[in-house]
N, C-alpha and C. Protein backbone atom coordinates (compact mmCIF):
# COMPACT_ATOMS: atom_id res chain seq x y z
N MET A 1 103.54 108.28 101.35
CA MET A 1 103.08 109.21 100.77
C MET A 1 101.71 109.24 101.45
N ALA A 2 100.69 108.08 101.19
CA ALA A 2 99.69 108.12 101.83
C ALA A 2 99.34 108.44 103.49
N LYS A 3 100.65 108.15 104.23
CA LYS A 3 100.83 108.44 105.35
C LYS A 3 100.57 110.02 105.82
N PHE A 4 101.18 110.90 104.96
CA PHE A 4 101.28 111.90 105.06
C PHE A 4 99.60 112.79 105.44
N LEU A 5 99.64 112.37 103.95
CA LEU A 5 97.93 112.52 103.08
C LEU A 5 97.04 112.44 104.21
N LEU A 6 97.12 111.14 105.18
CA LEU A 6 96.14 110.71 106.26
C LEU A 6 96.14 111.49 106.83
N GLU A 7 97.61 111.71 107.27
CA GLU A 7 97.96 113.05 108.75
C GLU A 7 97.41 114.21 108.35
N ILE A 8 97.02 114.90 107.04
CA ILE A 8 96.88 116.28 106.99
C ILE A 8 95.35 115.76 106.63
N GLU A 9 94.43 114.85 106.52
CA GLU A 9 93.24 114.82 106.45
C GLU A 9 92.81 114.74 108.09
N GLY A 10 93.42 114.13 109.26
CA GLY A 10 93.42 113.91 110.40
C GLY A 10 93.10 112.75 110.70
N ARG A 11 93.52 111.75 109.99
CA ARG A 11 92.83 110.16 109.84
C ARG A 11 93.92 109.57 110.34
N GLU A 12 93.50 108.27 110.64
CA GLU A 12 94.39 107.08 111.26
C GLU A 12 93.95 105.91 110.90
N LEU A 13 94.57 104.96 110.25
CA LEU A 13 94.07 103.55 109.76
C LEU A 13 95.08 102.50 110.56
N ALA A 14 94.43 100.99 110.46
CA ALA A 14 95.23 100.44 110.92
C ALA A 14 96.35 99.81 109.74
N HIS A 15 97.38 99.04 109.92
CA HIS A 15 98.51 99.11 109.54
C HIS A 15 98.16 98.47 108.29
N GLU A 16 97.15 97.81 108.05
CA GLU A 16 97.25 96.62 106.99
C GLU A 16 96.04 97.43 105.55
N ASP A 17 95.12 98.13 106.59
CA ASP A 17 94.57 99.48 105.79
C ASP A 17 95.64 100.58 105.08
N GLU A 18 96.58 100.91 105.70
CA GLU A 18 97.52 101.68 105.26
C GLU A 18 98.26 101.34 104.41
N ARG A 19 98.75 99.93 104.13
CA ARG A 19 99.44 99.44 103.61
C ARG A 19 98.71 99.14 102.09
N ARG A 20 97.10 99.08 102.35
CA ARG A 20 96.49 99.16 101.01
C ARG A 20 96.35 100.40 100.31
N VAL A 21 96.42 101.53 101.22
CA VAL A 21 96.04 103.09 100.74
C VAL A 21 97.52 103.35 100.22
N GLU A 22 98.68 102.73 100.48
CA GLU A 22 99.92 102.91 100.02
C GLU A 22 99.96 102.63 98.56
N GLU A 23 99.61 101.27 98.21
CA GLU A 23 100.01 100.36 97.11
C GLU A 23 99.12 100.95 96.08
N ARG A 24 97.66 101.80 96.45
CA ARG A 24 96.74 102.71 95.89
C ARG A 24 97.61 103.81 95.39
N VAL A 25 97.89 104.51 96.09
CA VAL A 25 98.47 105.48 95.79
C VAL A 25 99.67 105.23 94.77
N ARG A 26 100.57 104.67 95.60
CA ARG A 26 101.38 104.07 94.47
C ARG A 26 101.31 103.63 92.95
N GLU A 27 100.27 102.93 92.77
CA GLU A 27 99.74 102.19 91.33
C GLU A 27 99.12 103.74 90.96
N ALA A 28 97.90 104.37 91.28
CA ALA A 28 98.05 106.41 90.96
C ALA A 28 98.90 106.89 90.22
N MET A 29 100.51 106.48 91.03
CA MET A 29 101.26 107.81 90.74
C MET A 29 102.04 107.00 89.33
N GLU A 30 102.08 106.01 89.28
CA GLU A 30 102.65 105.04 88.03
C GLU A 30 102.11 105.23 86.75
N GLY A 31 100.41 105.61 87.46
CA GLY A 31 100.18 105.52 85.87
C GLY A 31 99.95 106.96 85.56
N ILE A 32 100.05 108.10 86.20
CA ILE A 32 100.41 109.17 85.96
C ILE A 32 101.43 109.88 85.72
N HIS A 33 102.67 109.09 85.60
CA HIS A 33 104.22 109.05 85.26
C HIS A 33 103.81 108.31 83.66
N GLU A 34 103.18 107.25 83.55
CA GLU A 34 103.20 106.71 82.23
C GLU A 34 102.34 107.97 81.43
N ALA A 35 101.41 108.50 81.82
CA ALA A 35 101.03 109.07 81.11
C ALA A 35 101.79 110.44 80.51
N SER A 36 102.84 110.90 81.24
CA SER A 36 103.02 112.04 81.17
C SER A 36 104.21 111.26 80.13
N VAL A 37 104.47 110.46 80.48
CA VAL A 37 105.76 110.15 79.33
C VAL A 37 105.61 109.93 77.71
N ARG A 38 103.92 109.44 77.56
CA ARG A 38 103.62 109.35 76.67
C ARG A 38 103.33 110.58 76.11
N VAL A 39 102.81 111.50 76.84
CA VAL A 39 102.78 113.19 75.97
C VAL A 39 104.28 113.61 75.78
N ARG A 40 105.02 113.54 76.71
CA ARG A 40 106.07 114.18 76.37
C ARG A 40 106.68 113.66 75.27
N TYR A 41 106.70 112.48 75.05
CA TYR A 41 107.23 111.85 73.89
C TYR A 41 105.96 111.60 72.35
N ASP A 42 105.09 112.82 72.49
CA ASP A 42 104.39 113.09 71.22
C ASP A 42 103.28 111.87 71.01
N GLU A 43 103.04 111.63 72.11
CA GLU A 43 101.96 110.31 71.64
C GLU A 43 100.68 110.54 72.68
N CYS A 44 99.96 110.42 71.95
CA CYS A 44 98.50 110.80 72.71
C CYS A 44 98.26 109.72 73.65
N PRO A 45 98.00 110.46 74.91
CA PRO A 45 97.65 109.42 75.59
C PRO A 45 96.46 108.65 75.55
N HIS A 46 95.53 109.00 74.42
CA HIS A 46 93.94 108.17 74.50
C HIS A 46 94.20 106.88 73.47
N CYS A 47 94.57 107.24 72.38
CA CYS A 47 94.98 106.13 71.49
C CYS A 47 96.46 105.67 70.91
N GLY A 48 97.22 106.98 71.46
CA GLY A 48 98.58 106.14 71.18
C GLY A 48 98.96 106.30 69.91
N GLU A 49 98.44 107.80 69.35
CA GLU A 49 98.88 107.92 67.86
C GLU A 49 99.83 108.79 68.26
N GLU A 50 100.87 108.93 67.15
CA GLU A 50 102.01 109.81 67.38
C GLU A 50 100.91 111.35 66.44
N LEU A 51 101.70 112.38 67.96
CA LEU A 51 101.69 113.55 67.46
C LEU A 51 102.72 114.41 66.71
N GLU A 52 102.20 115.09 65.74
CA GLU A 52 102.99 116.25 64.92
C GLU A 52 103.27 117.04 66.08
N ARG A 53 104.49 117.54 65.86
CA ARG A 53 105.00 118.77 66.83
C ARG A 53 105.53 120.00 66.24
N GLU A 54 105.01 120.97 66.53
CA GLU A 54 105.40 122.21 65.93
C GLU A 54 106.97 122.59 65.99
N GLY A 55 107.42 122.91 64.95
CA GLY A 55 108.86 123.26 64.67
C GLY A 55 109.56 121.63 64.85
N ALA A 56 109.14 120.73 64.84
CA ALA A 56 110.11 119.33 65.15
C ALA A 56 110.44 119.32 63.86
N THR A 57 111.66 118.50 63.97
CA THR A 57 112.95 118.41 63.12
C THR A 57 112.74 116.50 63.22
N GLU A 58 113.27 116.30 61.77
CA GLU A 58 114.19 114.69 62.10
C GLU A 58 114.85 114.27 63.21
N ASP A 59 115.65 115.26 63.42
CA ASP A 59 116.40 115.08 64.31
C ASP A 59 116.14 114.77 66.06
N ASP A 60 114.65 115.49 66.23
CA ASP A 60 114.33 115.63 67.67
C ASP A 60 114.09 114.41 67.96
């Protein structure tokens, strides 16, 4: 993914730098995924407190 983004920007990096950028992008994407899981499961992404859902039932 980082290589694609760098190509769009018209930039090139040394292989080792590209590898570091890929790792940073991967870590960022994992963080986004973890936050989306918390939101989808009705947990506050900031404090972890369970959120009430409108129309929720015990079976949800």
